[in-house]
Amino acid sequence: MWDGAFCGVIGFRWQPGTSELPPYCLGHIGFSVVPWKRRRGYATRALALLLPDAAQEELPYVELTTDLDNTASQAVIRANGGELIEQFQKPAVYGGAMSLRFRIPLVSRL
């Protein structure tokens, strides 16, 4: 993410031909905004811009995960059509915290 200076990152992870996640990640999309640029809509806009690219990969949906207390990321995901599908405990290798999994359907984004 860039506004003339670095704002953050967003990444899309998938395996061609399947909606299954790569074995090394918990969600199809991850994002982070540097602390001094938060609450300006960068993550919401970046996610909105990335979803059509994900739809072109013929995925029916993408999944994103957040920590229980990360209400800012939850708001970004919900603003882009995300629906909570489960609360789960991350594997120990990812810190073992209780987390939330959201799904954003992509069918209408082509």
PDB file of N, CA and C in Angstrom:
ATOM      1  N   MET A   1       0.853  -1.171   0.000  1.00  0.00           N
ATOM      2  CA  MET A   1       0.000   0.000   0.000  1.00  0.00           C
ATOM      3  C   MET A   1       0.897   1.231   0.000  1.00  0.00           C
ATOM      4  N   TRP A   2       0.497   2.206  -0.783  1.00  0.00           N
ATOM      5  CA  TRP A   2       1.361   3.362  -1.007  1.00  0.00           C
ATOM      6  C   TRP A   2       0.496   4.600  -1.206  1.00  0.00           C
ATOM      7  N   ASP A   3       0.816   5.683  -0.556  1.00  0.00           N
ATOM      8  CA  ASP A   3       0.124   6.964  -0.757  1.00  0.00           C
ATOM      9  C   ASP A   3       1.140   8.076  -1.044  1.00  0.00           C
ATOM     10  N   GLY A   4       2.245   7.693  -1.633  1.00  0.00           N
ATOM     11  CA  GLY A   4       3.392   8.579  -1.798  1.00  0.00           C
ATOM     12  C   GLY A   4       4.494   8.171  -0.837  1.00  0.00           C
ATOM     13  N   ALA A   5       4.115   7.393   0.166  1.00  0.00           N
ATOM     14  CA  ALA A   5       5.032   6.773   1.121  1.00  0.00           C
ATOM     15  C   ALA A   5       4.440   5.416   1.491  1.00  0.00           C
ATOM     16  N   PHE A   6       5.255   4.568   2.054  1.00  0.00           N
ATOM     17  CA  PHE A   6       4.810   3.226   2.429  1.00  0.00           C
ATOM     18  C   PHE A   6       3.701   3.301   3.474  1.00  0.00           C
ATOM     19  N   CYS A   7       2.624   2.546   3.236  1.00  0.00           N
ATOM     20  CA  CYS A   7       1.488   2.498   4.168  1.00  0.00           C
ATOM     21  C   CYS A   7       1.313   1.124   4.794  1.00  0.00           C
ATOM     22  N   GLY A   8       1.632   0.075   4.045  1.00  0.00           N
ATOM     23  CA  GLY A   8       1.425  -1.276   4.539  1.00  0.00           C
ATOM     24  C   GLY A   8       1.494  -2.282   3.413  1.00  0.00           C
ATOM     25  N   VAL A   9       1.056  -3.503   3.714  1.00  0.00           N
ATOM     26  CA  VAL A   9       1.111  -4.589   2.739  1.00  0.00           C
ATOM     27  C   VAL A   9      -0.212  -5.345   2.723  1.00  0.00           C
ATOM     28  N   ILE A  10      -0.495  -5.965   1.577  1.00  0.00           N
ATOM     29  CA  ILE A  10      -1.611  -6.883   1.452  1.00  0.00           C
ATOM     30  C   ILE A  10      -1.132  -8.021   0.570  1.00  0.00           C
ATOM     31  N   GLY A  11      -1.474  -9.234   0.927  1.00  0.00           N
ATOM     32  CA  GLY A  11      -1.025 -10.392   0.176  1.00  0.00           C
ATOM     33  C   GLY A  11      -2.160 -11.352  -0.100  1.00  0.00           C
ATOM     34  N   PHE A  12      -2.112 -11.973  -1.260  1.00  0.00           N
ATOM     35  CA  PHE A  12      -3.111 -12.950  -1.696  1.00  0.00           C
ATOM     36  C   PHE A  12      -2.404 -14.295  -1.869  1.00  0.00           C
ATOM     37  N   ARG A  13      -2.908 -15.313  -1.169  1.00  0.00           N
ATOM     38  CA  ARG A  13      -2.290 -16.631  -1.190  1.00  0.00           C
ATOM     39  C   ARG A  13      -3.329 -17.648  -1.646  1.00  0.00           C
ATOM     40  N   TRP A  14      -3.004 -18.436  -2.643  1.00  0.00           N
ATOM     41  CA  TRP A  14      -3.925 -19.448  -3.140  1.00  0.00           C
ATOM     42  C   TRP A  14      -3.154 -20.522  -3.868  1.00  0.00           C
ATOM     43  N   GLN A  15      -3.866 -21.591  -4.206  1.00  0.00           N
ATOM     44  CA  GLN A  15      -3.318 -22.674  -5.009  1.00  0.00           C
ATOM     45  C   GLN A  15      -4.157 -22.762  -6.277  1.00  0.00           C
ATOM     46  N   PRO A  16      -3.546 -22.676  -7.440  1.00  0.00           N
ATOM     47  CA  PRO A  16      -4.323 -22.726  -8.683  1.00  0.00           C
ATOM     48  C   PRO A  16      -5.216 -23.965  -8.765  1.00  0.00           C
ATOM     49  N   GLY A  17      -6.455 -23.735  -9.189  1.00  0.00           N
ATOM     50  CA  GLY A  17      -7.389 -24.831  -9.405  1.00  0.00           C
ATOM     51  C   GLY A  17      -8.151 -25.314  -8.188  1.00  0.00           C
ATOM     52  N   THR A  18      -7.944 -24.699  -7.027  1.00  0.00           N
ATOM     53  CA  THR A  18      -8.645 -25.138  -5.818  1.00  0.00           C
ATOM     54  C   THR A  18      -8.842 -23.955  -4.866  1.00  0.00           C
ATOM     55  N   SER A  19      -9.866 -24.042  -4.039  1.00  0.00           N
ATOM     56  CA  SER A  19     -10.060 -23.018  -3.012  1.00  0.00           C
ATOM     57  C   SER A  19      -9.352 -23.388  -1.711  1.00  0.00           C
ATOM     58  N   GLU A  20      -8.708 -24.556  -1.683  1.00  0.00           N
ATOM     59  CA  GLU A  20      -7.952 -24.962  -0.502  1.00  0.00           C
ATOM     60  C   GLU A  20      -6.782 -24.011  -0.288  1.00  0.00           C
ATOM     61  N   LEU A  21      -6.564 -23.680   0.956  1.00  0.00           N
ATOM     62  CA  LEU A  21      -5.438 -22.807   1.297  1.00  0.00           C
ATOM     63  C   LEU A  21      -4.116 -23.550   1.180  1.00  0.00           C
ATOM     64  N   PRO A  22      -3.057 -22.834   0.840  1.00  0.00           N
ATOM     65  CA  PRO A  22      -1.733 -23.463   0.944  1.00  0.00           C
ATOM     66  C   PRO A  22      -1.531 -23.919   2.393  1.00  0.00           C
ATOM     67  N   PRO A  23      -0.803 -24.988   2.604  1.00  0.00           N
ATOM     68  CA  PRO A  23      -0.689 -25.550   3.959  1.00  0.00           C
ATOM     69  C   PRO A  23       0.028 -24.656   4.970  1.00  0.00           C
ATOM     70  N   TYR A  24       0.710 -23.624   4.518  1.00  0.00           N
ATOM     71  CA  TYR A  24       1.501 -22.784   5.417  1.00  0.00           C
ATOM     72  C   TYR A  24       0.787 -21.508   5.846  1.00  0.00           C
ATOM     73  N   CYS A  25      -0.506 -21.333   5.518  1.00  0.00           N
ATOM     74  CA  CYS A  25      -1.182 -20.095   5.911  1.00  0.00           C
ATOM     75  C   CYS A  25      -2.611 -20.360   6.374  1.00  0.00           C
ATOM     76  N   LEU A  26      -3.147 -19.407   7.126  1.00  0.00           N
ATOM     77  CA  LEU A  26      -4.479 -19.543   7.716  1.00  0.00           C
ATOM     78  C   LEU A  26      -5.568 -18.855   6.911  1.00  0.00           C
ATOM     79  N   GLY A  27      -5.207 -17.992   5.965  1.00  0.00           N
ATOM     80  CA  GLY A  27      -6.205 -17.273   5.184  1.00  0.00           C
ATOM     81  C   GLY A  27      -5.691 -16.964   3.800  1.00  0.00           C
ATOM     82  N   HIS A  28      -6.625 -16.728   2.870  1.00  0.00           N
ATOM     83  CA  HIS A  28      -6.240 -16.397   1.502  1.00  0.00           C
ATOM     84  C   HIS A  28      -5.618 -15.000   1.394  1.00  0.00           C
ATOM     85  N   ILE A  29      -6.046 -14.110   2.255  1.00  0.00           N
ATOM     86  CA  ILE A  29      -5.572 -12.725   2.182  1.00  0.00           C
ATOM     87  C   ILE A  29      -5.134 -12.277   3.574  1.00  0.00           C
ATOM     88  N   GLY A  30      -4.017 -11.587   3.612  1.00  0.00           N
ATOM     89  CA  GLY A  30      -3.536 -10.977   4.844  1.00  0.00           C
ATOM     90  C   GLY A  30      -3.138  -9.544   4.558  1.00  0.00           C
ATOM     91  N   PHE A  31      -3.315  -8.674   5.530  1.00  0.00           N
ATOM     92  CA  PHE A  31      -2.957  -7.268   5.337  1.00  0.00           C
ATOM     93  C   PHE A  31      -2.481  -6.668   6.640  1.00  0.00           C
ATOM     94  N   SER A  32      -1.702  -5.599   6.497  1.00  0.00           N
ATOM     95  CA  SER A  32      -1.205  -4.877   7.661  1.00  0.00           C
ATOM     96  C   SER A  32      -0.908  -3.440   7.239  1.00  0.00           C
ATOM     97  N   VAL A  33      -1.282  -2.504   8.064  1.00  0.00           N
ATOM     98  CA  VAL A  33      -1.020  -1.081   7.826  1.00  0.00           C
ATOM     99  C   VAL A  33      -0.093  -0.589   8.939  1.00  0.00           C
ATOM    100  N   VAL A  34       0.896   0.220   8.568  1.00  0.00           N
ATOM    101  CA  VAL A  34       1.813   0.749   9.578  1.00  0.00           C
ATOM    102  C   VAL A  34       1.008   1.571  10.600  1.00  0.00           C
ATOM    103  N   PRO A  35       1.400   1.527  11.863  1.00  0.00           N
ATOM    104  CA  PRO A  35       0.606   2.185  12.911  1.00  0.00           C
ATOM    105  C   PRO A  35       0.285   3.655  12.655  1.00  0.00           C
ATOM    106  N   TRP A  36       1.222   4.410  12.098  1.00  0.00           N
ATOM    107  CA  TRP A  36       0.997   5.852  11.918  1.00  0.00           C
ATOM    108  C   TRP A  36       0.092   6.180  10.717  1.00  0.00           C
ATOM    109  N   LYS A  37      -0.365   5.143   9.980  1.00  0.00           N
ATOM    110  CA  LYS A  37      -1.257   5.394   8.847  1.00  0.00           C
ATOM    111  C   LYS A  37      -2.594   4.658   9.004  1.00  0.00           C
ATOM    112  N   ARG A  38      -2.851   4.141  10.171  1.00  0.00           N
ATOM    113  CA  ARG A  38      -4.100   3.400  10.404  1.00  0.00           C
ATOM    114  C   ARG A  38      -5.287   4.354  10.495  1.00  0.00           C
ATOM    115  N   ARG A  39      -6.461   3.806  10.312  1.00  0.00           N
ATOM    116  CA  ARG A  39      -7.745   4.504  10.416  1.00  0.00           C
ATOM    117  C   ARG A  39      -7.927   5.560   9.312  1.00  0.00           C
ATOM    118  N   ARG A  40      -7.311   5.297   8.152  1.00  0.00           N
ATOM    119  CA  ARG A  40      -7.465   6.188   6.999  1.00  0.00           C
ATOM    120  C   ARG A  40      -8.130   5.475   5.824  1.00  0.00           C
ATOM    121  N   GLY A  41      -8.517   4.212   6.014  1.00  0.00           N
ATOM    122  CA  GLY A  41      -9.203   3.463   4.957  1.00  0.00           C
ATOM    123  C   GLY A  41      -8.292   2.722   4.002  1.00  0.00           C
ATOM    124  N   TYR A  42      -6.986   2.714   4.254  1.00  0.00           N
ATOM    125  CA  TYR A  42      -6.056   2.055   3.330  1.00  0.00           C
ATOM    126  C   TYR A  42      -6.339   0.555   3.207  1.00  0.00           C
ATOM    127  N   ALA A  43      -6.519  -0.140   4.313  1.00  0.00           N
ATOM    128  CA  ALA A  43      -6.742  -1.583   4.260  1.00  0.00           C
ATOM    129  C   ALA A  43      -8.090  -1.901   3.613  1.00  0.00           C
ATOM    130  N   THR A  44      -9.107  -1.124   3.940  1.00  0.00           N
ATOM    131  CA  THR A  44     -10.433  -1.348   3.344  1.00  0.00           C
ATOM    132  C   THR A  44     -10.362  -1.207   1.829  1.00  0.00           C
ATOM    133  N   ARG A  45      -9.696  -0.173   1.357  1.00  0.00           N
ATOM    134  CA  ARG A  45      -9.576   0.057  -0.082  1.00  0.00           C
ATOM    135  C   ARG A  45      -8.682  -0.992  -0.746  1.00  0.00           C
ATOM    136  N   ALA A  46      -7.592  -1.351  -0.119  1.00  0.00           N
ATOM    137  CA  ALA A  46      -6.688  -2.356  -0.691  1.00  0.00           C
ATOM    138  C   ALA A  46      -7.401  -3.702  -0.828  1.00  0.00           C
ATOM    139  N   LEU A  47      -8.156  -4.091   0.181  1.00  0.00           N
ATOM    140  CA  LEU A  47      -8.901  -5.342   0.102  1.00  0.00           C
ATOM    141  C   LEU A  47      -9.940  -5.274  -1.007  1.00  0.00           C
ATOM    142  N   ALA A  48     -10.658  -4.173  -1.105  1.00  0.00           N
ATOM    143  CA  ALA A  48     -11.663  -4.018  -2.167  1.00  0.00           C
ATOM    144  C   ALA A  48     -11.023  -4.136  -3.552  1.00  0.00           C
ATOM    145  N   LEU A  49      -9.833  -3.573  -3.723  1.00  0.00           N
ATOM    146  CA  LEU A  49      -9.146  -3.636  -5.013  1.00  0.00           C
ATOM    147  C   LEU A  49      -8.598  -5.026  -5.320  1.00  0.00           C
ATOM    148  N   LEU A  50      -8.279  -5.802  -4.300  1.00  0.00           N
ATOM    149  CA  LEU A  50      -7.715  -7.136  -4.494  1.00  0.00           C
ATOM    150  C   LEU A  50      -8.780  -8.194  -4.790  1.00  0.00           C
ATOM    151  N   LEU A  51      -9.986  -8.015  -4.294  1.00  0.00           N
ATOM    152  CA  LEU A  51     -11.020  -9.050  -4.445  1.00  0.00           C
ATOM    153  C   LEU A  51     -11.335  -9.398  -5.903  1.00  0.00           C
ATOM    154  N   PRO A  52     -11.422  -8.461  -6.836  1.00  0.00           N
ATOM    155  CA  PRO A  52     -11.645  -8.861  -8.238  1.00  0.00           C
ATOM    156  C   PRO A  52     -10.514  -9.728  -8.800  1.00  0.00           C
ATOM    157  N   ASP A  53      -9.288  -9.479  -8.367  1.00  0.00           N
ATOM    158  CA  ASP A  53      -8.168 -10.322  -8.802  1.00  0.00           C
ATOM    159  C   ASP A  53      -8.338 -11.747  -8.271  1.00  0.00           C
ATOM    160  N   ALA A  54      -8.770 -11.871  -7.033  1.00  0.00           N
ATOM    161  CA  ALA A  54      -9.016 -13.196  -6.462  1.00  0.00           C
ATOM    162  C   ALA A  54     -10.147 -13.893  -7.215  1.00  0.00           C
ATOM    163  N   ALA A  55     -11.180 -13.148  -7.587  1.00  0.00           N
ATOM    164  CA  ALA A  55     -12.305 -13.725  -8.332  1.00  0.00           C
ATOM    165  C   ALA A  55     -11.854 -14.242  -9.693  1.00  0.00           C
ATOM    166  N   GLN A  56     -10.886 -13.582 -10.303  1.00  0.00           N
ATOM    167  CA  GLN A  56     -10.377 -14.038 -11.599  1.00  0.00           C
ATOM    168  C   GLN A  56      -9.675 -15.394 -11.513  1.00  0.00           C
ATOM    169  N   GLU A  57      -9.275 -15.776 -10.324  1.00  0.00           N
ATOM    170  CA  GLU A  57      -8.661 -17.095 -10.124  1.00  0.00           C
ATOM    171  C   GLU A  57      -9.728 -18.180  -9.956  1.00  0.00           C
ATOM    172  N   GLU A  58     -10.993 -17.786 -10.147  1.00  0.00           N
ATOM    173  CA  GLU A  58     -12.146 -18.690 -10.091  1.00  0.00           C
ATOM    174  C   GLU A  58     -12.357 -19.312  -8.717  1.00  0.00           C
ATOM    175  N   LEU A  59     -11.942 -18.595  -7.680  1.00  0.00           N
ATOM    176  CA  LEU A  59     -12.246 -19.027  -6.323  1.00  0.00           C
ATOM    177  C   LEU A  59     -13.676 -18.621  -5.997  1.00  0.00           C
ATOM    178  N   PRO A  60     -14.456 -19.471  -5.350  1.00  0.00           N
ATOM    179  CA  PRO A  60     -15.810 -19.078  -4.972  1.00  0.00           C
ATOM    180  C   PRO A  60     -15.827 -18.103  -3.794  1.00  0.00           C
ATOM    181  N   TYR A  61     -14.750 -18.100  -3.019  1.00  0.00           N
ATOM    182  CA  TYR A  61     -14.648 -17.247  -1.835  1.00  0.00           C
ATOM    183  C   TYR A  61     -13.185 -17.135  -1.430  1.00  0.00           C
ATOM    184  N   VAL A  62     -12.914 -16.169  -0.557  1.00  0.00           N
ATOM    185  CA  VAL A  62     -11.629 -16.098   0.142  1.00  0.00           C
ATOM    186  C   VAL A  62     -11.914 -16.100   1.631  1.00  0.00           C
ATOM    187  N   GLU A  63     -10.972 -16.636   2.373  1.00  0.00           N
ATOM    188  CA  GLU A  63     -11.075 -16.629   3.828  1.00  0.00           C
ATOM    189  C   GLU A  63      -9.960 -15.775   4.411  1.00  0.00           C
ATOM    190  N   LEU A  64     -10.315 -15.059   5.477  1.00  0.00           N
ATOM    191  CA  LEU A  64      -9.366 -14.213   6.195  1.00  0.00           C
ATOM    192  C   LEU A  64      -9.531 -14.492   7.672  1.00  0.00           C
ATOM    193  N   THR A  65      -8.448 -14.423   8.422  1.00  0.00           N
ATOM    194  CA  THR A  65      -8.516 -14.652   9.861  1.00  0.00           C
ATOM    195  C   THR A  65      -8.011 -13.437  10.622  1.00  0.00           C
ATOM    196  N   THR A  66      -8.548 -13.257  11.822  1.00  0.00           N
ATOM    197  CA  THR A  66      -8.094 -12.187  12.711  1.00  0.00           C
ATOM    198  C   THR A  66      -8.075 -12.698  14.135  1.00  0.00           C
ATOM    199  N   ASP A  67      -7.306 -12.046  14.964  1.00  0.00           N
ATOM    200  CA  ASP A  67      -7.373 -12.327  16.395  1.00  0.00           C
ATOM    201  C   ASP A  67      -8.700 -11.804  16.926  1.00  0.00           C
ATOM    202  N   LEU A  68      -9.153 -12.374  18.031  1.00  0.00           N
ATOM    203  CA  LEU A  68     -10.432 -11.967  18.623  1.00  0.00           C
ATOM    204  C   LEU A  68     -10.493 -10.476  18.924  1.00  0.00           C
ATOM    205  N   ASP A  69      -9.378  -9.902  19.351  1.00  0.00           N
ATOM    206  CA  ASP A  69      -9.382  -8.497  19.757  1.00  0.00           C
ATOM    207  C   ASP A  69      -9.029  -7.522  18.635  1.00  0.00           C
ATOM    208  N   ASN A  70      -8.830  -8.006  17.406  1.00  0.00           N
ATOM    209  CA  ASN A  70      -8.453  -7.133  16.296  1.00  0.00           C
ATOM    210  C   ASN A  70      -9.708  -6.607  15.598  1.00  0.00           C
ATOM    211  N   THR A  71     -10.381  -5.703  16.284  1.00  0.00           N
ATOM    212  CA  THR A  71     -11.644  -5.179  15.760  1.00  0.00           C
ATOM    213  C   THR A  71     -11.449  -4.328  14.506  1.00  0.00           C
ATOM    214  N   ALA A  72     -10.282  -3.711  14.354  1.00  0.00           N
ATOM    215  CA  ALA A  72     -10.027  -2.911  13.147  1.00  0.00           C
ATOM    216  C   ALA A  72     -10.009  -3.804  11.910  1.00  0.00           C
ATOM    217  N   SER A  73      -9.288  -4.920  11.958  1.00  0.00           N
ATOM    218  CA  SER A  73      -9.263  -5.836  10.816  1.00  0.00           C
ATOM    219  C   SER A  73     -10.635  -6.451  10.575  1.00  0.00           C
ATOM    220  N   GLN A  74     -11.343  -6.749  11.637  1.00  0.00           N
ATOM    221  CA  GLN A  74     -12.696  -7.297  11.479  1.00  0.00           C
ATOM    222  C   GLN A  74     -13.595  -6.303  10.749  1.00  0.00           C
ATOM    223  N   ALA A  75     -13.454  -5.026  11.059  1.00  0.00           N
ATOM    224  CA  ALA A  75     -14.256  -3.994  10.394  1.00  0.00           C
ATOM    225  C   ALA A  75     -13.887  -3.893   8.911  1.00  0.00           C
ATOM    226  N   VAL A  76     -12.609  -4.000   8.580  1.00  0.00           N
ATOM    227  CA  VAL A  76     -12.158  -3.974   7.185  1.00  0.00           C
ATOM    228  C   VAL A  76     -12.790  -5.136   6.421  1.00  0.00           C
ATOM    229  N   ILE A  77     -12.741  -6.313   7.007  1.00  0.00           N
ATOM    230  CA  ILE A  77     -13.284  -7.505   6.347  1.00  0.00           C
ATOM    231  C   ILE A  77     -14.793  -7.382   6.176  1.00  0.00           C
ATOM    232  N   ARG A  78     -15.483  -6.959   7.208  1.00  0.00           N
ATOM    233  CA  ARG A  78     -16.946  -6.800   7.113  1.00  0.00           C
ATOM    234  C   ARG A  78     -17.335  -5.736   6.091  1.00  0.00           C
ATOM    235  N   ALA A  79     -16.571  -4.667   6.005  1.00  0.00           N
ATOM    236  CA  ALA A  79     -16.848  -3.601   5.036  1.00  0.00           C
ATOM    237  C   ALA A  79     -16.742  -4.104   3.599  1.00  0.00           C
ATOM    238  N   ASN A  80     -16.046  -5.207   3.405  1.00  0.00           N
ATOM    239  CA  ASN A  80     -15.885  -5.805   2.086  1.00  0.00           C
ATOM    240  C   ASN A  80     -16.734  -7.065   1.906  1.00  0.00           C
ATOM    241  N   GLY A  81     -17.753  -7.209   2.722  1.00  0.00           N
ATOM    242  CA  GLY A  81     -18.689  -8.317   2.558  1.00  0.00           C
ATOM    243  C   GLY A  81     -18.353  -9.575   3.323  1.00  0.00           C
ATOM    244  N   GLY A  82     -17.384  -9.509   4.223  1.00  0.00           N
ATOM    245  CA  GLY A  82     -16.992 -10.687   4.989  1.00  0.00           C
ATOM    246  C   GLY A  82     -18.032 -11.090   6.013  1.00  0.00           C
ATOM    247  N   GLU A  83     -18.225 -12.384   6.128  1.00  0.00           N
ATOM    248  CA  GLU A  83     -19.147 -12.954   7.125  1.00  0.00           C
ATOM    249  C   GLU A  83     -18.363 -13.890   8.029  1.00  0.00           C
ATOM    250  N   LEU A  84     -18.607 -13.779   9.323  1.00  0.00           N
ATOM    251  CA  LEU A  84     -17.951 -14.645  10.301  1.00  0.00           C
ATOM    252  C   LEU A  84     -18.446 -16.071  10.096  1.00  0.00           C
ATOM    253  N   ILE A  85     -17.502 -17.014   9.944  1.00  0.00           N
ATOM    254  CA  ILE A  85     -17.913 -18.410   9.791  1.00  0.00           C
ATOM    255  C   ILE A  85     -17.509 -19.285  10.970  1.00  0.00           C
ATOM    256  N   GLU A  86     -16.486 -18.873  11.721  1.00  0.00           N
ATOM    257  CA  GLU A  86     -16.136 -19.674  12.891  1.00  0.00           C
ATOM    258  C   GLU A  86     -15.149 -18.953  13.802  1.00  0.00           C
ATOM    259  N   GLN A  87     -15.159 -19.387  15.044  1.00  0.00           N
ATOM    260  CA  GLN A  87     -14.121 -19.041  16.002  1.00  0.00           C
ATOM    261  C   GLN A  87     -13.290 -20.304  16.154  1.00  0.00           C
ATOM    262  N   PHE A  88     -11.976 -20.172  16.154  1.00  0.00           N
ATOM    263  CA  PHE A  88     -11.117 -21.349  16.217  1.00  0.00           C
ATOM    264  C   PHE A  88      -9.831 -21.012  16.958  1.00  0.00           C
ATOM    265  N   GLN A  89      -9.134 -22.038  17.357  1.00  0.00           N
ATOM    266  CA  GLN A  89      -7.842 -21.840  18.007  1.00  0.00           C
ATOM    267  C   GLN A  89      -6.750 -22.073  16.975  1.00  0.00           C
ATOM    268  N   LYS A  90      -5.880 -21.077  16.838  1.00  0.00           N
ATOM    269  CA  LYS A  90      -4.766 -21.203  15.903  1.00  0.00           C
ATOM    270  C   LYS A  90      -3.852 -22.334  16.349  1.00  0.00           C
ATOM    271  N   PRO A  91      -3.240 -23.029  15.402  1.00  0.00           N
ATOM    272  CA  PRO A  91      -2.215 -24.004  15.779  1.00  0.00           C
ATOM    273  C   PRO A  91      -1.087 -23.325  16.561  1.00  0.00           C
ATOM    274  N   ALA A  92      -0.407 -24.090  17.367  1.00  0.00           N
ATOM    275  CA  ALA A  92       0.664 -23.543  18.210  1.00  0.00           C
ATOM    276  C   ALA A  92       1.722 -22.808  17.395  1.00  0.00           C
ATOM    277  N   VAL A  93       2.019 -23.284  16.201  1.00  0.00           N
ATOM    278  CA  VAL A  93       3.034 -22.640  15.365  1.00  0.00           C
ATOM    279  C   VAL A  93       2.651 -21.202  15.005  1.00  0.00           C
ATOM    280  N   TYR A  94       1.340 -20.869  15.068  1.00  0.00           N
ATOM    281  CA  TYR A  94       0.857 -19.513  14.807  1.00  0.00           C
ATOM    282  C   TYR A  94       0.510 -18.781  16.101  1.00  0.00           C
ATOM    283  N   GLY A  95       0.919 -19.294  17.221  1.00  0.00           N
ATOM    284  CA  GLY A  95       0.717 -18.629  18.494  1.00  0.00           C
ATOM    285  C   GLY A  95      -0.376 -19.211  19.367  1.00  0.00           C
ATOM    286  N   GLY A  96      -1.229 -20.076  18.811  1.00  0.00           N
ATOM    287  CA  GLY A  96      -2.236 -20.773  19.595  1.00  0.00           C
ATOM    288  C   GLY A  96      -3.398 -19.936  20.099  1.00  0.00           C
ATOM    289  N   ALA A  97      -3.522 -18.683  19.681  1.00  0.00           N
ATOM    290  CA  ALA A  97      -4.582 -17.791  20.177  1.00  0.00           C
ATOM    291  C   ALA A  97      -5.940 -18.152  19.574  1.00  0.00           C
ATOM    292  N   MET A  98      -6.986 -17.806  20.281  1.00  0.00           N
ATOM    293  CA  MET A  98      -8.333 -17.925  19.731  1.00  0.00           C
ATOM    294  C   MET A  98      -8.479 -16.855  18.652  1.00  0.00           C
ATOM    295  N   SER A  99      -9.063 -17.237  17.534  1.00  0.00           N
ATOM    296  CA  SER A  99      -9.157 -16.352  16.377  1.00  0.00           C
ATOM    297  C   SER A  99     -10.510 -16.492  15.702  1.00  0.00           C
ATOM    298  N   LEU A 100     -10.762 -15.616  14.748  1.00  0.00           N
ATOM    299  CA  LEU A 100     -11.995 -15.628  13.975  1.00  0.00           C
ATOM    300  C   LEU A 100     -11.661 -15.859  12.510  1.00  0.00           C
ATOM    301  N   ARG A 101     -12.507 -16.650  11.841  1.00  0.00           N
ATOM    302  CA  ARG A 101     -12.358 -16.873  10.406  1.00  0.00           C
ATOM    303  C   ARG A 101     -13.569 -16.267   9.697  1.00  0.00           C
ATOM    304  N   PHE A 102     -13.287 -15.420   8.707  1.00  0.00           N
ATOM    305  CA  PHE A 102     -14.309 -14.775   7.894  1.00  0.00           C
ATOM    306  C   PHE A 102     -14.225 -15.311   6.469  1.00  0.00           C
ATOM    307  N   ARG A 103     -15.349 -15.272   5.769  1.00  0.00           N
ATOM    308  CA  ARG A 103     -15.394 -15.660   4.360  1.00  0.00           C
ATOM    309  C   ARG A 103     -16.042 -14.532   3.563  1.00  0.00           C
ATOM    310  N   ILE A 104     -15.425 -14.201   2.433  1.00  0.00           N
ATOM    311  CA  ILE A 104     -15.978 -13.214   1.501  1.00  0.00           C
ATOM    312  C   ILE A 104     -16.288 -13.942   0.197  1.00  0.00           C
ATOM    313  N   PRO A 105     -17.568 -14.011  -0.175  1.00  0.00           N
ATOM    314  CA  PRO A 105     -17.914 -14.644  -1.458  1.00  0.00           C
ATOM    315  C   PRO A 105     -17.414 -13.805  -2.626  1.00  0.00           C
ATOM    316  N   LEU A 106     -16.994 -14.479  -3.700  1.00  0.00           N
ATOM    317  CA  LEU A 106     -16.419 -13.773  -4.843  1.00  0.00           C
ATOM    318  C   LEU A 106     -17.265 -13.868  -6.106  1.00  0.00           C
ATOM    319  N   VAL A 107     -18.307 -14.640  -6.119  1.00  0.00           N
ATOM    320  CA  VAL A 107     -19.098 -14.876  -7.324  1.00  0.00           C
ATOM    321  C   VAL A 107     -19.542 -13.570  -7.975  1.00  0.00           C
ATOM    322  N   SER A 108     -19.970 -12.603  -7.197  1.00  0.00           N
ATOM    323  CA  SER A 108     -20.498 -11.354  -7.760  1.00  0.00           C
ATOM    324  C   SER A 108     -19.410 -10.335  -8.087  1.00  0.00           C
ATOM    325  N   ARG A 109     -18.133 -10.682  -7.926  1.00  0.00           N
ATOM    326  CA  ARG A 109     -17.057  -9.714  -8.086  1.00  0.00           C
ATOM    327  C   ARG A 109     -16.356  -9.794  -9.438  1.00  0.00           C
ATOM    328  N   LEU A 110     -16.823 -10.654 -10.301  1.00  0.00           N
ATOM    329  CA  LEU A 110     -16.182 -10.768 -11.628  1.00  0.00           C
ATOM    330  C   LEU A 110     -16.559  -9.619 -12.524  1.00  0.00           C
TER     331      LEU A 110
END
